[in-house]
Amino acid sequence: MKSGDRFDAVITDLGMPYVDGRKVAARIRQLRGQVPIIMLTGWGHRLIATDDQPEHVDRVLSKPPKMAELRAR
């Protein structure tokens, strides 16, 4: 990907080495405004059940995601 390239969506994880997925989502939102952000996480079921979706994230999916869920989002 070259600087300035556009993309249709961003898929990130919640917990990653050296960076938190919430920070990734905030930065993507700052740079790309309305691009959809999907967060994959092993905590997905809990986040969904407690309506605890992280700020700047459009959808939360549990790991491992089902292809149909990913396509629907």
PDB file of N, CA and C in Angstrom:
ATOM      1  N   MET A   1       0.838  -1.172   0.000  1.00  0.00           N
ATOM      2  CA  MET A   1       0.000   0.000   0.000  1.00  0.00           C
ATOM      3  C   MET A   1       0.890   1.244   0.000  1.00  0.00           C
ATOM      4  N   LYS A   2       0.582   2.178  -0.872  1.00  0.00           N
ATOM      5  CA  LYS A   2       1.317   3.427  -0.952  1.00  0.00           C
ATOM      6  C   LYS A   2       0.611   4.493  -0.121  1.00  0.00           C
ATOM      7  N   SER A   3       1.351   5.468   0.310  1.00  0.00           N
ATOM      8  CA  SER A   3       0.776   6.589   1.042  1.00  0.00           C
ATOM      9  C   SER A   3      -0.322   7.227   0.197  1.00  0.00           C
ATOM     10  N   GLY A   4      -1.449   7.473   0.802  1.00  0.00           N
ATOM     11  CA  GLY A   4      -2.564   8.080   0.081  1.00  0.00           C
ATOM     12  C   GLY A   4      -3.525   7.085  -0.520  1.00  0.00           C
ATOM     13  N   ASP A   5      -3.167   5.787  -0.550  1.00  0.00           N
ATOM     14  CA  ASP A   5      -4.083   4.770  -1.051  1.00  0.00           C
ATOM     15  C   ASP A   5      -5.328   4.710  -0.179  1.00  0.00           C
ATOM     16  N   ARG A   6      -6.433   4.376  -0.771  1.00  0.00           N
ATOM     17  CA  ARG A   6      -7.700   4.237  -0.051  1.00  0.00           C
ATOM     18  C   ARG A   6      -7.975   2.771   0.217  1.00  0.00           C
ATOM     19  N   PHE A   7      -8.761   2.501   1.230  1.00  0.00           N
ATOM     20  CA  PHE A   7      -9.158   1.142   1.535  1.00  0.00           C
ATOM     21  C   PHE A   7     -10.599   1.162   1.993  1.00  0.00           C
ATOM     22  N   ASP A   8     -11.276   0.015   1.897  1.00  0.00           N
ATOM     23  CA  ASP A   8     -12.704  -0.066   2.169  1.00  0.00           C
ATOM     24  C   ASP A   8     -13.038  -0.270   3.639  1.00  0.00           C
ATOM     25  N   ALA A   9     -12.144  -0.898   4.385  1.00  0.00           N
ATOM     26  CA  ALA A   9     -12.398  -1.181   5.802  1.00  0.00           C
ATOM     27  C   ALA A   9     -11.074  -1.491   6.489  1.00  0.00           C
ATOM     28  N   VAL A  10     -11.088  -1.397   7.810  1.00  0.00           N
ATOM     29  CA  VAL A  10      -9.931  -1.771   8.618  1.00  0.00           C
ATOM     30  C   VAL A  10     -10.383  -2.851   9.595  1.00  0.00           C
ATOM     31  N   ILE A  11      -9.601  -3.920   9.665  1.00  0.00           N
ATOM     32  CA  ILE A  11      -9.846  -4.977  10.643  1.00  0.00           C
ATOM     33  C   ILE A  11      -8.652  -4.987  11.575  1.00  0.00           C
ATOM     34  N   THR A  12      -8.909  -4.832  12.861  1.00  0.00           N
ATOM     35  CA  THR A  12      -7.841  -4.810  13.849  1.00  0.00           C
ATOM     36  C   THR A  12      -8.179  -5.750  14.997  1.00  0.00           C
ATOM     37  N   ASP A  13      -7.208  -6.029  15.806  1.00  0.00           N
ATOM     38  CA  ASP A  13      -7.395  -6.846  16.999  1.00  0.00           C
ATOM     39  C   ASP A  13      -7.453  -5.905  18.195  1.00  0.00           C
ATOM     40  N   LEU A  14      -8.000  -6.362  19.292  1.00  0.00           N
ATOM     41  CA  LEU A  14      -8.027  -5.543  20.505  1.00  0.00           C
ATOM     42  C   LEU A  14      -6.648  -5.533  21.158  1.00  0.00           C
ATOM     43  N   GLY A  15      -6.098  -6.705  21.418  1.00  0.00           N
ATOM     44  CA  GLY A  15      -4.805  -6.787  22.085  1.00  0.00           C
ATOM     45  C   GLY A  15      -3.727  -7.244  21.131  1.00  0.00           C
ATOM     46  N   MET A  16      -2.720  -6.400  20.947  1.00  0.00           N
ATOM     47  CA  MET A  16      -1.596  -6.719  20.070  1.00  0.00           C
ATOM     48  C   MET A  16      -0.316  -6.296  20.767  1.00  0.00           C
ATOM     49  N   PRO A  17       0.800  -6.895  20.396  1.00  0.00           N
ATOM     50  CA  PRO A  17       2.065  -6.458  20.990  1.00  0.00           C
ATOM     51  C   PRO A  17       2.356  -4.997  20.641  1.00  0.00           C
ATOM     52  N   TYR A  18       2.711  -4.233  21.620  1.00  0.00           N
ATOM     53  CA  TYR A  18       3.172  -2.850  21.458  1.00  0.00           C
ATOM     54  C   TYR A  18       2.086  -1.823  21.157  1.00  0.00           C
ATOM     55  N   VAL A  19       0.873  -2.247  20.854  1.00  0.00           N
ATOM     56  CA  VAL A  19      -0.180  -1.267  20.572  1.00  0.00           C
ATOM     57  C   VAL A  19      -1.538  -1.855  20.933  1.00  0.00           C
ATOM     58  N   ASP A  20      -2.402  -1.017  21.405  1.00  0.00           N
ATOM     59  CA  ASP A  20      -3.760  -1.404  21.778  1.00  0.00           C
ATOM     60  C   ASP A  20      -4.687  -1.136  20.591  1.00  0.00           C
ATOM     61  N   GLY A  21      -5.582  -2.058  20.309  1.00  0.00           N
ATOM     62  CA  GLY A  21      -6.506  -1.898  19.193  1.00  0.00           C
ATOM     63  C   GLY A  21      -7.365  -0.650  19.286  1.00  0.00           C
ATOM     64  N   ARG A  22      -7.636  -0.192  20.508  1.00  0.00           N
ATOM     65  CA  ARG A  22      -8.398   1.054  20.680  1.00  0.00           C
ATOM     66  C   ARG A  22      -7.619   2.244  20.111  1.00  0.00           C
ATOM     67  N   LYS A  23      -6.305   2.231  20.315  1.00  0.00           N
ATOM     68  CA  LYS A  23      -5.462   3.309  19.780  1.00  0.00           C
ATOM     69  C   LYS A  23      -5.392   3.241  18.258  1.00  0.00           C
ATOM     70  N   VAL A  24      -5.328   2.033  17.733  1.00  0.00           N
ATOM     71  CA  VAL A  24      -5.339   1.863  16.276  1.00  0.00           C
ATOM     72  C   VAL A  24      -6.638   2.430  15.704  1.00  0.00           C
ATOM     73  N   ALA A  25      -7.767   2.071  16.307  1.00  0.00           N
ATOM     74  CA  ALA A  25      -9.066   2.553  15.826  1.00  0.00           C
ATOM     75  C   ALA A  25      -9.152   4.074  15.891  1.00  0.00           C
ATOM     76  N   ALA A  26      -8.681   4.659  16.986  1.00  0.00           N
ATOM     77  CA  ALA A  26      -8.720   6.121  17.124  1.00  0.00           C
ATOM     78  C   ALA A  26      -7.883   6.797  16.041  1.00  0.00           C
ATOM     79  N   ARG A  27      -6.719   6.249  15.766  1.00  0.00           N
ATOM     80  CA  ARG A  27      -5.835   6.845  14.753  1.00  0.00           C
ATOM     81  C   ARG A  27      -6.409   6.686  13.344  1.00  0.00           C
ATOM     82  N   ILE A  28      -6.953   5.526  13.052  1.00  0.00           N
ATOM     83  CA  ILE A  28      -7.578   5.315  11.739  1.00  0.00           C
ATOM     84  C   ILE A  28      -8.746   6.282  11.568  1.00  0.00           C
ATOM     85  N   ARG A  29      -9.547   6.439  12.600  1.00  0.00           N
ATOM     86  CA  ARG A  29     -10.690   7.354  12.526  1.00  0.00           C
ATOM     87  C   ARG A  29     -10.205   8.783  12.283  1.00  0.00           C
ATOM     88  N   GLN A  30      -9.108   9.153  12.918  1.00  0.00           N
ATOM     89  CA  GLN A  30      -8.531  10.481  12.749  1.00  0.00           C
ATOM     90  C   GLN A  30      -8.029  10.683  11.317  1.00  0.00           C
ATOM     91  N   LEU A  31      -7.422   9.653  10.753  1.00  0.00           N
ATOM     92  CA  LEU A  31      -6.837   9.763   9.418  1.00  0.00           C
ATOM     93  C   LEU A  31      -7.847   9.570   8.297  1.00  0.00           C
ATOM     94  N   ARG A  32      -8.793   8.664   8.478  1.00  0.00           N
ATOM     95  CA  ARG A  32      -9.678   8.259   7.382  1.00  0.00           C
ATOM     96  C   ARG A  32     -11.158   8.489   7.653  1.00  0.00           C
ATOM     97  N   GLY A  33     -11.488   9.192   8.720  1.00  0.00           N
ATOM     98  CA  GLY A  33     -12.868   9.596   8.971  1.00  0.00           C
ATOM     99  C   GLY A  33     -13.886   8.481   9.038  1.00  0.00           C
ATOM    100  N   GLN A  34     -14.512   8.189   7.937  1.00  0.00           N
ATOM    101  CA  GLN A  34     -15.676   7.310   7.928  1.00  0.00           C
ATOM    102  C   GLN A  34     -15.391   5.856   7.544  1.00  0.00           C
ATOM    103  N   VAL A  35     -14.137   5.482   7.375  1.00  0.00           N
ATOM    104  CA  VAL A  35     -13.856   4.096   6.999  1.00  0.00           C
ATOM    105  C   VAL A  35     -14.353   3.157   8.115  1.00  0.00           C
ATOM    106  N   PRO A  36     -15.061   2.098   7.757  1.00  0.00           N
ATOM    107  CA  PRO A  36     -15.535   1.154   8.783  1.00  0.00           C
ATOM    108  C   PRO A  36     -14.376   0.457   9.488  1.00  0.00           C
ATOM    109  N   ILE A  37     -14.489   0.348  10.813  1.00  0.00           N
ATOM    110  CA  ILE A  37     -13.469  -0.318  11.617  1.00  0.00           C
ATOM    111  C   ILE A  37     -14.112  -1.498  12.329  1.00  0.00           C
ATOM    112  N   ILE A  38     -13.552  -2.678  12.083  1.00  0.00           N
ATOM    113  CA  ILE A  38     -14.020  -3.920  12.703  1.00  0.00           C
ATOM    114  C   ILE A  38     -12.943  -4.397  13.661  1.00  0.00           C
ATOM    115  N   MET A  39     -13.339  -4.719  14.879  1.00  0.00           N
ATOM    116  CA  MET A  39     -12.391  -5.212  15.860  1.00  0.00           C
ATOM    117  C   MET A  39     -12.639  -6.685  16.135  1.00  0.00           C
ATOM    118  N   LEU A  40     -11.609  -7.490  15.919  1.00  0.00           N
ATOM    119  CA  LEU A  40     -11.647  -8.911  16.258  1.00  0.00           C
ATOM    120  C   LEU A  40     -11.033  -9.082  17.636  1.00  0.00           C
ATOM    121  N   THR A  41     -11.650  -9.886  18.479  1.00  0.00           N
ATOM    122  CA  THR A  41     -11.106 -10.091  19.804  1.00  0.00           C
ATOM    123  C   THR A  41     -11.627 -11.382  20.423  1.00  0.00           C
ATOM    124  N   GLY A  42     -10.813 -11.977  21.226  1.00  0.00           N
ATOM    125  CA  GLY A  42     -11.254 -13.138  21.999  1.00  0.00           C
ATOM    126  C   GLY A  42     -12.274 -12.752  23.055  1.00  0.00           C
ATOM    127  N   TRP A  43     -12.371 -11.470  23.333  1.00  0.00           N
ATOM    128  CA  TRP A  43     -13.341 -10.939  24.304  1.00  0.00           C
ATOM    129  C   TRP A  43     -14.633 -10.476  23.621  1.00  0.00           C
ATOM    130  N   GLY A  44     -14.784 -10.771  22.337  1.00  0.00           N
ATOM    131  CA  GLY A  44     -15.923 -10.278  21.569  1.00  0.00           C
ATOM    132  C   GLY A  44     -17.276 -10.595  22.161  1.00  0.00           C
ATOM    133  N   HIS A  45     -17.484 -11.839  22.590  1.00  0.00           N
ATOM    134  CA  HIS A  45     -18.789 -12.198  23.150  1.00  0.00           C
ATOM    135  C   HIS A  45     -19.113 -11.353  24.373  1.00  0.00           C
ATOM    136  N   ARG A  46     -18.120 -11.127  25.233  1.00  0.00           N
ATOM    137  CA  ARG A  46     -18.341 -10.321  26.431  1.00  0.00           C
ATOM    138  C   ARG A  46     -18.604  -8.860  26.071  1.00  0.00           C
ATOM    139  N   LEU A  47     -17.823  -8.311  25.150  1.00  0.00           N
ATOM    140  CA  LEU A  47     -18.022  -6.926  24.745  1.00  0.00           C
ATOM    141  C   LEU A  47     -19.393  -6.719  24.125  1.00  0.00           C
ATOM    142  N   ILE A  48     -19.819  -7.663  23.307  1.00  0.00           N
ATOM    143  CA  ILE A  48     -21.133  -7.572  22.668  1.00  0.00           C
ATOM    144  C   ILE A  48     -22.240  -7.709  23.702  1.00  0.00           C
ATOM    145  N   ALA A  49     -22.113  -8.676  24.608  1.00  0.00           N
ATOM    146  CA  ALA A  49     -23.151  -8.925  25.618  1.00  0.00           C
ATOM    147  C   ALA A  49     -23.326  -7.750  26.570  1.00  0.00           C
ATOM    148  N   THR A  50     -22.234  -7.058  26.872  1.00  0.00           N
ATOM    149  CA  THR A  50     -22.315  -5.930  27.811  1.00  0.00           C
ATOM    150  C   THR A  50     -22.412  -4.591  27.092  1.00  0.00           C
ATOM    151  N   ASP A  51     -22.577  -4.630  25.787  1.00  0.00           N
ATOM    152  CA  ASP A  51     -22.673  -3.412  24.969  1.00  0.00           C
ATOM    153  C   ASP A  51     -21.485  -2.485  25.250  1.00  0.00           C
ATOM    154  N   ASP A  52     -20.301  -3.069  25.294  1.00  0.00           N
ATOM    155  CA  ASP A  52     -19.074  -2.356  25.633  1.00  0.00           C
ATOM    156  C   ASP A  52     -18.187  -2.217  24.405  1.00  0.00           C
ATOM    157  N   GLN A  53     -18.774  -1.745  23.318  1.00  0.00           N
ATOM    158  CA  GLN A  53     -18.021  -1.587  22.080  1.00  0.00           C
ATOM    159  C   GLN A  53     -17.040  -0.425  22.232  1.00  0.00           C
ATOM    160  N   PRO A  54     -15.767  -0.636  21.923  1.00  0.00           N
ATOM    161  CA  PRO A  54     -14.788   0.440  22.050  1.00  0.00           C
ATOM    162  C   PRO A  54     -15.122   1.634  21.159  1.00  0.00           C
ATOM    163  N   GLU A  55     -14.764   2.799  21.630  1.00  0.00           N
ATOM    164  CA  GLU A  55     -14.966   4.024  20.876  1.00  0.00           C
ATOM    165  C   GLU A  55     -14.253   3.917  19.528  1.00  0.00           C
ATOM    166  N   HIS A  56     -14.826   4.492  18.511  1.00  0.00           N
ATOM    167  CA  HIS A  56     -14.292   4.530  17.139  1.00  0.00           C
ATOM    168  C   HIS A  56     -14.450   3.208  16.389  1.00  0.00           C
ATOM    169  N   VAL A  57     -14.959   2.174  17.028  1.00  0.00           N
ATOM    170  CA  VAL A  57     -15.121   0.867  16.392  1.00  0.00           C
ATOM    171  C   VAL A  57     -16.570   0.711  15.948  1.00  0.00           C
ATOM    172  N   ASP A  58     -16.756   0.298  14.686  1.00  0.00           N
ATOM    173  CA  ASP A  58     -18.111   0.140  14.150  1.00  0.00           C
ATOM    174  C   ASP A  58     -18.725  -1.213  14.487  1.00  0.00           C
ATOM    175  N   ARG A  59     -17.910  -2.259  14.503  1.00  0.00           N
ATOM    176  CA  ARG A  59     -18.401  -3.612  14.795  1.00  0.00           C
ATOM    177  C   ARG A  59     -17.352  -4.383  15.570  1.00  0.00           C
ATOM    178  N   VAL A  60     -17.812  -5.225  16.482  1.00  0.00           N
ATOM    179  CA  VAL A  60     -16.934  -6.134  17.214  1.00  0.00           C
ATOM    180  C   VAL A  60     -17.291  -7.547  16.794  1.00  0.00           C
ATOM    181  N   LEU A  61     -16.278  -8.336  16.484  1.00  0.00           N
ATOM    182  CA  LEU A  61     -16.472  -9.745  16.154  1.00  0.00           C
ATOM    183  C   LEU A  61     -15.600 -10.597  17.060  1.00  0.00           C
ATOM    184  N   SER A  62     -16.138 -11.724  17.473  1.00  0.00           N
ATOM    185  CA  SER A  62     -15.366 -12.663  18.294  1.00  0.00           C
ATOM    186  C   SER A  62     -14.447 -13.498  17.428  1.00  0.00           C
ATOM    187  N   LYS A  63     -13.327 -13.888  18.020  1.00  0.00           N
ATOM    188  CA  LYS A  63     -12.408 -14.805  17.343  1.00  0.00           C
ATOM    189  C   LYS A  63     -12.844 -16.234  17.618  1.00  0.00           C
ATOM    190  N   PRO A  64     -12.651 -17.125  16.723  1.00  0.00           N
ATOM    191  CA  PRO A  64     -12.341 -16.855  15.316  1.00  0.00           C
ATOM    192  C   PRO A  64     -13.617 -16.419  14.602  1.00  0.00           C
ATOM    193  N   PRO A  65     -13.522 -15.447  13.715  1.00  0.00           N
ATOM    194  CA  PRO A  65     -14.734 -14.982  13.031  1.00  0.00           C
ATOM    195  C   PRO A  65     -15.193 -15.999  11.985  1.00  0.00           C
ATOM    196  N   LYS A  66     -16.463 -16.070  11.816  1.00  0.00           N
ATOM    197  CA  LYS A  66     -17.029 -16.887  10.740  1.00  0.00           C
ATOM    198  C   LYS A  66     -17.039 -16.033   9.478  1.00  0.00           C
ATOM    199  N   MET A  67     -16.717 -16.628   8.356  1.00  0.00           N
ATOM    200  CA  MET A  67     -16.627 -15.873   7.102  1.00  0.00           C
ATOM    201  C   MET A  67     -17.928 -15.129   6.816  1.00  0.00           C
ATOM    202  N   ALA A  68     -19.057 -15.754   7.075  1.00  0.00           N
ATOM    203  CA  ALA A  68     -20.348 -15.100   6.813  1.00  0.00           C
ATOM    204  C   ALA A  68     -20.518 -13.857   7.684  1.00  0.00           C
ATOM    205  N   GLU A  69     -20.058 -13.927   8.958  1.00  0.00           N
ATOM    206  CA  GLU A  69     -20.128 -12.751   9.843  1.00  0.00           C
ATOM    207  C   GLU A  69     -19.243 -11.625   9.306  1.00  0.00           C
ATOM    208  N   LEU A  70     -18.056 -11.983   8.908  1.00  0.00           N
ATOM    209  CA  LEU A  70     -17.121 -10.991   8.404  1.00  0.00           C
ATOM    210  C   LEU A  70     -17.664 -10.322   7.145  1.00  0.00           C
ATOM    211  N   ARG A  71     -18.202 -11.105   6.250  1.00  0.00           N
ATOM    212  CA  ARG A  71     -18.767 -10.537   5.019  1.00  0.00           C
ATOM    213  C   ARG A  71     -19.974  -9.648   5.304  1.00  0.00           C
ATOM    214  N   ALA A  72     -20.786 -10.060   6.286  1.00  0.00           N
ATOM    215  CA  ALA A  72     -21.979  -9.278   6.643  1.00  0.00           C
ATOM    216  C   ALA A  72     -21.608  -7.924   7.227  1.00  0.00           C
ATOM    217  N   ARG A  73     -20.476  -7.875   7.916  1.00  0.00           N
ATOM    218  CA  ARG A  73     -20.072  -6.623   8.534  1.00  0.00           C
ATOM    219  C   ARG A  73     -19.434  -5.703   7.516  1.00  0.00           C
TER     220      ARG A  73
END
